[in-house]
Every structure is written in C-alpha cells, then in structure tokens.
Amino acid sequence: MKRSRVNEIIRQSDEFIRSFGYVMPPFAYLSPAEMQARRDDLSAVVERRLGWDITDYGRGDFDNLGLFLFTTRNGDNADLKAGRGMLYAEKIMISRKDQLSPMHRHDLKAEDIINRGGATLALKLYTAGPDGEIDKSLPVNVVTDGMRRQMKGGDILRLSPGESVTLMPRTDWHAFWGEGGDVLIGEVSTVNDDLTDNVFAEPIGRFAEIEEDEAPVHLLVSDYDKWLGNQR
C-alpha cells in the first residue's frame, strides 16, 4: 500500500469513528516526530503495539480484502502466563461494505466482536476439528449477547448495531465484512498478539507492505520497529 493511501484511510476512518461519538485517545494524534521525541514516555504504547493498524493482508487490494484497526489498550502475554495483571485488550475497527477480513482463528485470544454502529456486520463461521483446521461437518456453537446459538458450519451470522458475538480461541474460525454499508466494530478480548496469534485458512500476510510515497501522518503499529525501535 502507498503511504498516501494509508494517510487517506487514517483521515477517513477518524472521521467515521467520530461520527458515532467515539473519540480516540490522545496518543493517536501524535506525529512521528513527537513519538520519537517522547519514546520513553510511550514505552507501553510501543511495546504493547497500541495504535493505528491498516492492513490489506499483503494482497494489495484493500477495498476488497482489508481492515482498519486501532488498538486502544492491551495487556502482556506474560500476564496471561502468570494468570494475573492486565489480561485484556480493546480495539476499534472498521469493516467497509463488502470488505473481507479473511477466514482465521486465534490460538490464545478469546474475543467479543461488537457491532458499534452503521450497517450489518456479517460473519461466516466454522468450528475447528481436533487438528485445529476447519471441519465443515461440525456445528458452530457461539454466544451472542449472552444467548447460546447453534448454526451449521459456513452459515452467516448477522449482527445489527448493538449486537455482539463471543469467539473462543482455537475453536472458532471466522471471516467478516460489512453488509449493506460500513460498520464500526468494537473488539474486547484477552491479550492481543497480532505478531503470532493469527492463524489464517490460506497463506496470507497480516501486515501491509508500505510504499513510502509521502511522509506518514501517524505511524502504524507495523512502523514502530523501524521508526521507534532504537529510540530508548
């Protein structure tokens, strides 16, 4: 993706988010130079990879295969291993109309996916077999806003604004997109690790390759190692 396109998506996404009355935390609006100058103060932001995340899954077709995400808070995997501490994470995301976030699951992360506003959020769901792979013969058992629901593998779960679904690690394969329009999505989960805890049904990249055709307005989490890794 070209950096100019990333910058455009950031601006458009911020406007879309604000239209629902949701305001990003202050660190979202720091420039790259400000982040470099305040690297020590921002150690939790950088090390826990809070911030802007725009991906085309390495396929170069963001409008059809992609997702906007912003991680607002995140714990540490060491806390999970210890069983205490900051065991949770939160994201705000945007799934554009018919923009697919491809089929995947997580090994460690349990998550609530919440339609925060806009159009319908559609999710295609499968259950993993003993080997962790998709087993299309198995039913899907999920909880939507406290209510247990059973579906056939491959069925589409549709969430209207205010509705949510709980997805469990290793078990629940899922892909999703905006149906009928753009959707503001909330995610509340256990600790998030996008470097190691995404298992895709097909070989695919988690982060976009960035072509630097202009300066970044804000850094992506995937920029941190290059821009901030040696600043401490």
C-alpha atoms as a PDB file:
ATOM      1  CA  MET A   1       0.000   0.000   0.000  1.00  0.00           C
ATOM      2  CA  LYS A   2       1.193   3.502  -0.712  1.00  0.00           C
ATOM      3  CA  ARG A   3       1.711   5.688   2.347  1.00  0.00           C
ATOM      4  CA  SER A   4      -0.517   8.321   0.762  1.00  0.00           C
ATOM      5  CA  ARG A   5      -3.354   5.775   0.722  1.00  0.00           C
ATOM      6  CA  VAL A   6      -2.670   4.842   4.348  1.00  0.00           C
ATOM      7  CA  ASN A   7      -2.794   8.516   5.330  1.00  0.00           C
ATOM      8  CA  GLU A   8      -6.087   8.925   3.481  1.00  0.00           C
ATOM      9  CA  ILE A   9      -7.583   5.889   5.238  1.00  0.00           C
ATOM     10  CA  ILE A  10      -6.496   7.234   8.630  1.00  0.00           C
ATOM     11  CA  ARG A  11      -8.223  10.561   7.997  1.00  0.00           C
ATOM     12  CA  GLN A  12     -11.401   8.960   6.654  1.00  0.00           C
ATOM     13  CA  SER A  13     -11.516   6.404   9.465  1.00  0.00           C
ATOM     14  CA  ASP A  14     -11.057   9.014  12.178  1.00  0.00           C
ATOM     15  CA  GLU A  15     -13.965  10.987  10.722  1.00  0.00           C
ATOM     16  CA  PHE A  16     -16.140   7.857  10.534  1.00  0.00           C
ATOM     17  CA  ILE A  17     -15.344   6.921  14.130  1.00  0.00           C
ATOM     18  CA  ARG A  18     -16.057  10.429  15.404  1.00  0.00           C
ATOM     19  CA  SER A  19     -19.443  10.380  13.659  1.00  0.00           C
ATOM     20  CA  PHE A  20     -20.539   7.801  16.253  1.00  0.00           C
ATOM     21  CA  GLY A  21     -19.336   9.916  19.177  1.00  0.00           C
ATOM     22  CA  TYR A  22     -16.236   7.782  19.770  1.00  0.00           C
ATOM     23  CA  VAL A  23     -13.023   9.750  20.329  1.00  0.00           C
ATOM     24  CA  MET A  24      -9.548   8.236  20.073  1.00  0.00           C
ATOM     25  CA  PRO A  25      -7.045   8.513  22.952  1.00  0.00           C
ATOM     26  CA  PRO A  26      -4.572  11.428  22.798  1.00  0.00           C
ATOM     27  CA  PHE A  27      -1.589   9.334  21.655  1.00  0.00           C
ATOM     28  CA  ALA A  28      -3.462   8.579  18.425  1.00  0.00           C
ATOM     29  CA  TYR A  29      -2.760  12.071  17.142  1.00  0.00           C
ATOM     30  CA  LEU A  30       0.952  12.318  17.836  1.00  0.00           C
ATOM     31  CA  SER A  31       3.144  12.896  14.802  1.00  0.00           C
ATOM     32  CA  PRO A  32       6.057  10.538  14.077  1.00  0.00           C
ATOM     33  CA  ALA A  33       8.490  13.214  15.317  1.00  0.00           C
ATOM     34  CA  GLU A  34       6.528  13.633  18.547  1.00  0.00           C
ATOM     35  CA  MET A  35       6.546   9.877  19.108  1.00  0.00           C
ATOM     36  CA  GLN A  36      10.298   9.745  18.569  1.00  0.00           C
ATOM     37  CA  ALA A  37      10.868  12.625  20.981  1.00  0.00           C
ATOM     38  CA  ARG A  38       8.631  11.006  23.629  1.00  0.00           C
ATOM     39  CA  ARG A  39       9.728   7.405  23.066  1.00  0.00           C
ATOM     40  CA  ASP A  40      10.436   6.711  26.761  1.00  0.00           C
ATOM     41  CA  ASP A  41       7.038   8.076  27.821  1.00  0.00           C
ATOM     42  CA  LEU A  42       5.360   5.967  25.150  1.00  0.00           C
ATOM     43  CA  SER A  43       7.010   2.662  26.050  1.00  0.00           C
ATOM     44  CA  ALA A  44       3.664   0.975  26.850  1.00  0.00           C
ATOM     45  CA  VAL A  45       2.172   2.208  23.556  1.00  0.00           C
ATOM     46  CA  VAL A  46       5.095   0.914  21.522  1.00  0.00           C
ATOM     47  CA  GLU A  47       5.813  -2.338  23.323  1.00  0.00           C
ATOM     48  CA  ARG A  48       2.156  -3.362  23.518  1.00  0.00           C
ATOM     49  CA  ARG A  49       1.569  -2.181  19.947  1.00  0.00           C
ATOM     50  CA  LEU A  50      -1.232   0.257  20.635  1.00  0.00           C
ATOM     51  CA  GLY A  51      -2.301   2.490  17.777  1.00  0.00           C
ATOM     52  CA  TRP A  52      -3.170   2.612  14.097  1.00  0.00           C
ATOM     53  CA  ASP A  53      -3.235  -0.613  12.081  1.00  0.00           C
ATOM     54  CA  ILE A  54      -4.289  -0.739   8.434  1.00  0.00           C
ATOM     55  CA  THR A  55      -3.884  -3.974   6.552  1.00  0.00           C
ATOM     56  CA  ASP A  56      -4.505  -5.310   3.068  1.00  0.00           C
ATOM     57  CA  TYR A  57      -3.206  -8.720   4.220  1.00  0.00           C
ATOM     58  CA  GLY A  58      -0.329  -8.340   1.797  1.00  0.00           C
ATOM     59  CA  ARG A  59      -2.583  -8.672  -1.253  1.00  0.00           C
ATOM     60  CA  GLY A  60      -2.644  -5.026  -2.391  1.00  0.00           C
ATOM     61  CA  ASP A  61      -6.444  -4.833  -2.671  1.00  0.00           C
ATOM     62  CA  PHE A  62      -7.527  -3.012   0.491  1.00  0.00           C
ATOM     63  CA  ASP A  63     -11.017  -2.090  -0.748  1.00  0.00           C
ATOM     64  CA  ASN A  64     -11.936  -5.766  -1.168  1.00  0.00           C
ATOM     65  CA  LEU A  65      -9.595  -7.525   1.285  1.00  0.00           C
ATOM     66  CA  GLY A  66      -8.598  -5.418   4.250  1.00  0.00           C
ATOM     67  CA  LEU A  67      -9.400  -3.981   7.637  1.00  0.00           C
ATOM     68  CA  PHE A  68      -8.883  -0.810   9.662  1.00  0.00           C
ATOM     69  CA  LEU A  69      -7.994  -1.323  13.319  1.00  0.00           C
ATOM     70  CA  PHE A  70      -6.886   0.821  16.255  1.00  0.00           C
ATOM     71  CA  THR A  71      -5.727  -0.867  19.454  1.00  0.00           C
ATOM     72  CA  THR A  72      -6.642   1.353  22.397  1.00  0.00           C
ATOM     73  CA  ARG A  73      -5.361  -0.876  25.208  1.00  0.00           C
ATOM     74  CA  ASN A  74      -3.537  -4.175  25.531  1.00  0.00           C
ATOM     75  CA  GLY A  75      -2.030  -6.371  28.211  1.00  0.00           C
ATOM     76  CA  ASP A  76       1.060  -8.528  28.038  1.00  0.00           C
ATOM     77  CA  ASN A  77       1.444 -12.225  27.270  1.00  0.00           C
ATOM     78  CA  ALA A  78       3.480 -12.543  30.471  1.00  0.00           C
ATOM     79  CA  ASP A  79       0.356 -11.536  32.408  1.00  0.00           C
ATOM     80  CA  LEU A  80      -1.586 -14.310  30.708  1.00  0.00           C
ATOM     81  CA  LYS A  81       1.048 -16.856  31.684  1.00  0.00           C
ATOM     82  CA  ALA A  82       1.009 -15.573  35.264  1.00  0.00           C
ATOM     83  CA  GLY A  83      -2.786 -15.567  35.369  1.00  0.00           C
ATOM     84  CA  ARG A  84      -2.964 -12.060  36.801  1.00  0.00           C
ATOM     85  CA  GLY A  85      -2.349  -8.486  35.758  1.00  0.00           C
ATOM     86  CA  MET A  86      -3.631  -6.766  32.613  1.00  0.00           C
ATOM     87  CA  LEU A  87      -5.215  -9.737  30.855  1.00  0.00           C
ATOM     88  CA  TYR A  88      -7.368  -7.787  28.400  1.00  0.00           C
ATOM     89  CA  ALA A  89      -7.276  -5.735  25.207  1.00  0.00           C
ATOM     90  CA  GLU A  90      -9.609  -3.447  23.288  1.00  0.00           C
ATOM     91  CA  LYS A  91      -9.783  -2.377  19.648  1.00  0.00           C
ATOM     92  CA  ILE A  92     -11.972  -0.197  17.482  1.00  0.00           C
ATOM     93  CA  MET A  93     -12.237  -1.359  13.867  1.00  0.00           C
ATOM     94  CA  ILE A  94     -13.968  -0.501  10.608  1.00  0.00           C
ATOM     95  CA  SER A  95     -15.169  -3.064   8.112  1.00  0.00           C
ATOM     96  CA  ARG A  96     -16.175  -1.347   4.890  1.00  0.00           C
ATOM     97  CA  LYS A  97     -19.048  -2.502   2.715  1.00  0.00           C
ATOM     98  CA  ASP A  98     -18.188  -5.946   1.267  1.00  0.00           C
ATOM     99  CA  GLN A  99     -14.575  -5.594   2.502  1.00  0.00           C
ATOM    100  CA  LEU A 100     -13.495  -9.050   3.639  1.00  0.00           C
ATOM    101  CA  SER A 101     -11.409  -9.795   6.692  1.00  0.00           C
ATOM    102  CA  PRO A 102     -10.346 -13.323   5.716  1.00  0.00           C
ATOM    103  CA  MET A 103     -11.016 -16.609   7.481  1.00  0.00           C
ATOM    104  CA  HIS A 104      -8.870 -17.008  10.587  1.00  0.00           C
ATOM    105  CA  ARG A 105      -8.789 -18.064  14.205  1.00  0.00           C
ATOM    106  CA  HIS A 106      -6.617 -17.435  17.261  1.00  0.00           C
ATOM    107  CA  ASP A 107      -4.729 -19.844  19.478  1.00  0.00           C
ATOM    108  CA  LEU A 108      -4.856 -17.728  22.648  1.00  0.00           C
ATOM    109  CA  LYS A 109      -7.274 -14.840  22.237  1.00  0.00           C
ATOM    110  CA  ALA A 110     -10.933 -15.017  23.221  1.00  0.00           C
ATOM    111  CA  GLU A 111     -12.855 -12.048  21.855  1.00  0.00           C
ATOM    112  CA  ASP A 112     -16.178 -10.310  21.748  1.00  0.00           C
ATOM    113  CA  ILE A 113     -16.855  -8.778  18.322  1.00  0.00           C
ATOM    114  CA  ILE A 114     -19.394  -5.959  18.687  1.00  0.00           C
ATOM    115  CA  ASN A 115     -21.320  -4.019  16.056  1.00  0.00           C
ATOM    116  CA  ARG A 116     -20.931  -0.476  17.404  1.00  0.00           C
ATOM    117  CA  GLY A 117     -22.893   1.189  14.617  1.00  0.00           C
ATOM    118  CA  GLY A 118     -23.521   1.541  10.924  1.00  0.00           C
ATOM    119  CA  ALA A 119     -24.653  -1.322   8.716  1.00  0.00           C
ATOM    120  CA  THR A 120     -24.888  -5.063   9.393  1.00  0.00           C
ATOM    121  CA  LEU A 121     -21.760  -6.987  10.378  1.00  0.00           C
ATOM    122  CA  ALA A 122     -21.741 -10.378   8.649  1.00  0.00           C
ATOM    123  CA  LEU A 123     -19.567 -13.223   9.955  1.00  0.00           C
ATOM    124  CA  LYS A 124     -19.002 -16.587   8.306  1.00  0.00           C
ATOM    125  CA  LEU A 125     -18.253 -19.165  10.993  1.00  0.00           C
ATOM    126  CA  TYR A 126     -16.751 -22.639  11.193  1.00  0.00           C
ATOM    127  CA  THR A 127     -15.627 -24.891  14.027  1.00  0.00           C
ATOM    128  CA  ALA A 128     -12.131 -26.349  14.251  1.00  0.00           C
ATOM    129  CA  GLY A 129     -11.604 -30.083  14.370  1.00  0.00           C
ATOM    130  CA  PRO A 130      -9.089 -31.790  16.701  1.00  0.00           C
ATOM    131  CA  ASP A 131      -6.231 -30.745  14.425  1.00  0.00           C
ATOM    132  CA  GLY A 132      -7.257 -27.087  14.583  1.00  0.00           C
ATOM    133  CA  GLU A 133      -8.293 -26.989  10.925  1.00  0.00           C
ATOM    134  CA  ILE A 134     -11.781 -26.134   9.671  1.00  0.00           C
ATOM    135  CA  ASP A 135     -14.192 -29.050   9.939  1.00  0.00           C
ATOM    136  CA  LYS A 136     -17.209 -28.190   7.788  1.00  0.00           C
ATOM    137  CA  SER A 137     -19.198 -31.102   9.218  1.00  0.00           C
ATOM    138  CA  LEU A 138     -19.208 -29.697  12.749  1.00  0.00           C
ATOM    139  CA  PRO A 139     -21.902 -27.346  14.062  1.00  0.00           C
ATOM    140  CA  VAL A 140     -20.949 -23.886  15.260  1.00  0.00           C
ATOM    141  CA  ASN A 141     -21.820 -23.058  18.859  1.00  0.00           C
ATOM    142  CA  VAL A 142     -21.455 -19.409  19.840  1.00  0.00           C
ATOM    143  CA  VAL A 143     -22.845 -16.965  22.384  1.00  0.00           C
ATOM    144  CA  THR A 144     -24.450 -13.782  21.085  1.00  0.00           C
ATOM    145  CA  ASP A 145     -25.101 -11.240  23.849  1.00  0.00           C
ATOM    146  CA  GLY A 146     -25.410 -13.972  26.460  1.00  0.00           C
ATOM    147  CA  MET A 147     -27.657 -16.206  24.339  1.00  0.00           C
ATOM    148  CA  ARG A 148     -26.374 -19.563  23.123  1.00  0.00           C
ATOM    149  CA  ARG A 149     -26.827 -20.164  19.418  1.00  0.00           C
ATOM    150  CA  GLN A 150     -26.110 -23.196  17.222  1.00  0.00           C
ATOM    151  CA  MET A 151     -25.513 -22.847  13.494  1.00  0.00           C
ATOM    152  CA  LYS A 152     -24.272 -25.024  10.665  1.00  0.00           C
ATOM    153  CA  GLY A 153     -20.658 -24.675   9.641  1.00  0.00           C
ATOM    154  CA  GLY A 154     -20.363 -21.977   6.969  1.00  0.00           C
ATOM    155  CA  ASP A 155     -23.589 -20.217   7.969  1.00  0.00           C
ATOM    156  CA  ILE A 156     -23.590 -16.422   8.125  1.00  0.00           C
ATOM    157  CA  LEU A 157     -24.194 -14.726  11.469  1.00  0.00           C
ATOM    158  CA  ARG A 158     -25.537 -11.197  11.028  1.00  0.00           C
ATOM    159  CA  LEU A 159     -25.129  -8.635  13.800  1.00  0.00           C
ATOM    160  CA  SER A 160     -27.125  -5.409  13.866  1.00  0.00           C
ATOM    161  CA  PRO A 161     -25.813  -2.337  15.727  1.00  0.00           C
ATOM    162  CA  GLY A 162     -25.546  -3.135  19.428  1.00  0.00           C
ATOM    163  CA  GLU A 163     -25.268  -6.900  18.909  1.00  0.00           C
ATOM    164  CA  SER A 164     -22.159  -8.977  19.566  1.00  0.00           C
ATOM    165  CA  VAL A 165     -20.711 -12.480  19.381  1.00  0.00           C
ATOM    166  CA  THR A 166     -18.168 -14.230  21.590  1.00  0.00           C
ATOM    167  CA  LEU A 167     -15.484 -16.218  19.758  1.00  0.00           C
ATOM    168  CA  MET A 168     -13.229 -18.671  21.548  1.00  0.00           C
ATOM    169  CA  PRO A 169      -9.565 -19.473  20.866  1.00  0.00           C
ATOM    170  CA  ARG A 170      -8.585 -22.405  18.661  1.00  0.00           C
ATOM    171  CA  THR A 171     -12.240 -23.380  18.166  1.00  0.00           C
ATOM    172  CA  ASP A 172     -13.944 -20.549  16.276  1.00  0.00           C
ATOM    173  CA  TRP A 173     -12.879 -19.847  12.696  1.00  0.00           C
ATOM    174  CA  HIS A 174     -14.330 -16.581  11.394  1.00  0.00           C
ATOM    175  CA  ALA A 175     -14.331 -14.180   8.465  1.00  0.00           C
ATOM    176  CA  PHE A 176     -16.337 -10.955   8.389  1.00  0.00           C
ATOM    177  CA  TRP A 177     -17.385  -7.960   6.299  1.00  0.00           C
ATOM    178  CA  GLY A 178     -19.778  -5.020   6.241  1.00  0.00           C
ATOM    179  CA  GLU A 179     -23.117  -5.939   4.674  1.00  0.00           C
ATOM    180  CA  GLY A 180     -25.111  -3.096   3.155  1.00  0.00           C
ATOM    181  CA  GLY A 181     -22.649  -0.435   4.264  1.00  0.00           C
ATOM    182  CA  ASP A 182     -19.689   0.364   6.504  1.00  0.00           C
ATOM    183  CA  VAL A 183     -19.611  -0.924  10.086  1.00  0.00           C
ATOM    184  CA  LEU A 184     -17.919   0.378  13.227  1.00  0.00           C
ATOM    185  CA  ILE A 185     -16.717  -2.641  15.190  1.00  0.00           C
ATOM    186  CA  GLY A 186     -15.589  -2.970  18.781  1.00  0.00           C
ATOM    187  CA  GLU A 187     -13.384  -5.786  19.985  1.00  0.00           C
ATOM    188  CA  VAL A 188     -12.936  -6.686  23.641  1.00  0.00           C
ATOM    189  CA  SER A 189     -10.591  -9.605  24.199  1.00  0.00           C
ATOM    190  CA  THR A 190      -7.885 -11.256  26.187  1.00  0.00           C
ATOM    191  CA  VAL A 191      -4.356 -10.043  25.425  1.00  0.00           C
ATOM    192  CA  ASN A 192      -3.877  -9.365  21.716  1.00  0.00           C
ATOM    193  CA  ASP A 193      -0.772 -10.529  19.838  1.00  0.00           C
ATOM    194  CA  ASP A 194      -1.047  -9.864  16.111  1.00  0.00           C
ATOM    195  CA  LEU A 195       2.536 -10.982  15.509  1.00  0.00           C
ATOM    196  CA  THR A 196       1.995 -14.624  16.486  1.00  0.00           C
ATOM    197  CA  ASP A 197      -1.677 -15.308  17.308  1.00  0.00           C
ATOM    198  CA  ASN A 198      -3.382 -15.164  13.915  1.00  0.00           C
ATOM    199  CA  VAL A 199      -3.934 -18.459  12.098  1.00  0.00           C
ATOM    200  CA  PHE A 200      -5.272 -17.943   8.567  1.00  0.00           C
ATOM    201  CA  ALA A 201      -7.083 -20.550   6.492  1.00  0.00           C
ATOM    202  CA  GLU A 202      -4.963 -19.578   3.476  1.00  0.00           C
ATOM    203  CA  PRO A 203      -1.366 -18.347   3.330  1.00  0.00           C
ATOM    204  CA  ILE A 204      -1.635 -14.597   3.793  1.00  0.00           C
ATOM    205  CA  GLY A 205       0.230 -11.722   5.410  1.00  0.00           C
ATOM    206  CA  ARG A 206      -1.070  -9.941   8.499  1.00  0.00           C
ATOM    207  CA  PHE A 207       0.510  -6.556   7.757  1.00  0.00           C
ATOM    208  CA  ALA A 208       0.701  -4.416   4.635  1.00  0.00           C
ATOM    209  CA  GLU A 209       3.901  -3.611   2.765  1.00  0.00           C
ATOM    210  CA  ILE A 210       4.186   0.179   2.704  1.00  0.00           C
ATOM    211  CA  GLU A 211       5.492   2.158  -0.278  1.00  0.00           C
ATOM    212  CA  GLU A 212       6.789   5.470   1.054  1.00  0.00           C
ATOM    213  CA  ASP A 213       5.459   7.973  -1.496  1.00  0.00           C
ATOM    214  CA  GLU A 214       4.864  10.644   1.184  1.00  0.00           C
ATOM    215  CA  ALA A 215       5.530  11.199   4.879  1.00  0.00           C
ATOM    216  CA  PRO A 216       3.280   9.387   7.381  1.00  0.00           C
ATOM    217  CA  VAL A 217       0.639  11.448   9.173  1.00  0.00           C
ATOM    218  CA  HIS A 218       0.705   8.938  12.030  1.00  0.00           C
ATOM    219  CA  LEU A 219       2.736   5.787  12.493  1.00  0.00           C
ATOM    220  CA  LEU A 220       1.166   2.357  12.127  1.00  0.00           C
ATOM    221  CA  VAL A 221       1.970  -0.281  14.729  1.00  0.00           C
ATOM    222  CA  SER A 222       3.909  -2.042  11.971  1.00  0.00           C
ATOM    223  CA  ASP A 223       6.112   1.085  11.700  1.00  0.00           C
ATOM    224  CA  TYR A 224       7.220   1.044  15.325  1.00  0.00           C
ATOM    225  CA  ASP A 225      10.259  -1.224  14.966  1.00  0.00           C
ATOM    226  CA  LYS A 226      11.671   0.881  12.133  1.00  0.00           C
ATOM    227  CA  TRP A 227      10.838   4.328  13.485  1.00  0.00           C
ATOM    228  CA  LEU A 228      10.965   3.837  17.263  1.00  0.00           C
ATOM    229  CA  GLY A 229      12.778   0.591  17.992  1.00  0.00           C
ATOM    230  CA  ASN A 230      16.120   2.142  18.822  1.00  0.00           C
ATOM    231  CA  GLN A 231      14.947   5.338  20.457  1.00  0.00           C
ATOM    232  CA  ARG A 232      15.082   4.246  24.107  1.00  0.00           C
END
